[in-house]
């Protein structure tokens, strides 16, 4: 099964898949979500958080610490 997602491909496959399973398939859906909530998702670690933060900041959005 392939998840359709607009999340950065520089993230690991597991992180992208697990975020999609939680309903996060686009960067704009992550605006204001807490880092701790994302870290609680299987496969999402510090590297994925860093990548998401960088991409969100380029769009003028942010994760909550």
Protein backbone atom coordinates (compact mmCIF):
# COMPACT_ATOMS: atom_id res chain seq x y z
CA UNK A 1 0.00 0.00 0.00
CA UNK A 2 1.42 3.38 -0.99
CA UNK A 3 0.41 6.45 0.99
CA UNK A 4 -0.10 9.63 -1.01
CA UNK A 5 1.79 12.32 0.85
CA UNK A 6 3.31 15.72 0.21
CA UNK A 7 5.75 15.38 3.10
CA UNK A 8 9.46 15.87 2.36
CA UNK A 9 11.10 12.87 0.74
CA UNK A 10 14.25 13.58 2.76
CA UNK A 11 12.43 12.10 5.77
CA UNK A 12 12.58 8.38 6.33
CA UNK A 13 9.96 6.16 4.72
CA UNK A 14 8.68 4.93 8.08
CA UNK A 15 8.20 8.48 9.41
CA UNK A 16 6.31 9.54 6.28
CA UNK A 17 4.10 6.44 6.37
CA UNK A 18 3.30 6.74 10.07
CA UNK A 19 2.54 10.46 9.81
CA UNK A 20 0.19 9.68 6.90
CA UNK A 21 -1.53 7.01 8.98
CA UNK A 22 -2.12 9.68 11.63
CA UNK A 23 -3.69 11.94 9.00
CA UNK A 24 -0.68 14.17 8.30
CA UNK A 25 -0.10 14.09 4.54
CA UNK A 26 0.67 17.78 3.89
CA UNK A 27 3.02 20.23 5.61
CA UNK A 28 0.22 22.74 6.25
CA UNK A 29 -1.51 20.16 8.47
CA UNK A 30 1.49 20.24 10.82
CA UNK A 31 1.38 24.00 11.52
CA UNK A 32 1.15 24.43 15.28
CA UNK A 33 1.39 20.71 16.10
CA UNK A 34 3.68 20.05 19.06
CA UNK A 35 7.03 18.37 18.53
CA UNK A 36 6.33 16.07 21.47
CA UNK A 37 3.09 14.86 19.85
CA UNK A 38 4.97 14.09 16.65
CA UNK A 39 7.81 12.36 18.52
CA UNK A 40 5.22 10.06 20.10
CA UNK A 41 4.42 8.68 16.64
CA UNK A 42 6.34 5.51 15.78
CA UNK A 43 9.18 6.22 13.36
CA UNK A 44 9.25 9.98 13.94
CA UNK A 45 12.51 11.02 15.56
CA UNK A 46 14.69 14.10 15.94
CA UNK A 47 15.83 14.00 12.30
CA UNK A 48 12.25 14.00 11.01
CA UNK A 49 11.37 16.86 13.38
CA UNK A 50 14.35 18.88 12.12
CA UNK A 51 13.36 18.29 8.47
CA UNK A 52 9.74 19.19 9.15
CA UNK A 53 10.74 22.32 11.08
CA UNK A 54 13.00 23.51 8.24
CA UNK A 55 10.33 22.96 5.59
CA UNK A 56 7.60 24.58 7.69
CA UNK A 57 9.76 27.63 8.42
CA UNK A 58 10.34 28.10 4.69
CA UNK A 59 6.53 28.31 4.36
CA UNK A 60 6.19 30.74 7.28
CA UNK A 61 4.78 28.08 9.61
CA UNK A 62 6.18 26.35 12.65
CA UNK A 63 5.93 23.41 15.01
CA UNK A 64 5.10 24.04 18.64
CA UNK A 65 8.06 23.19 20.90
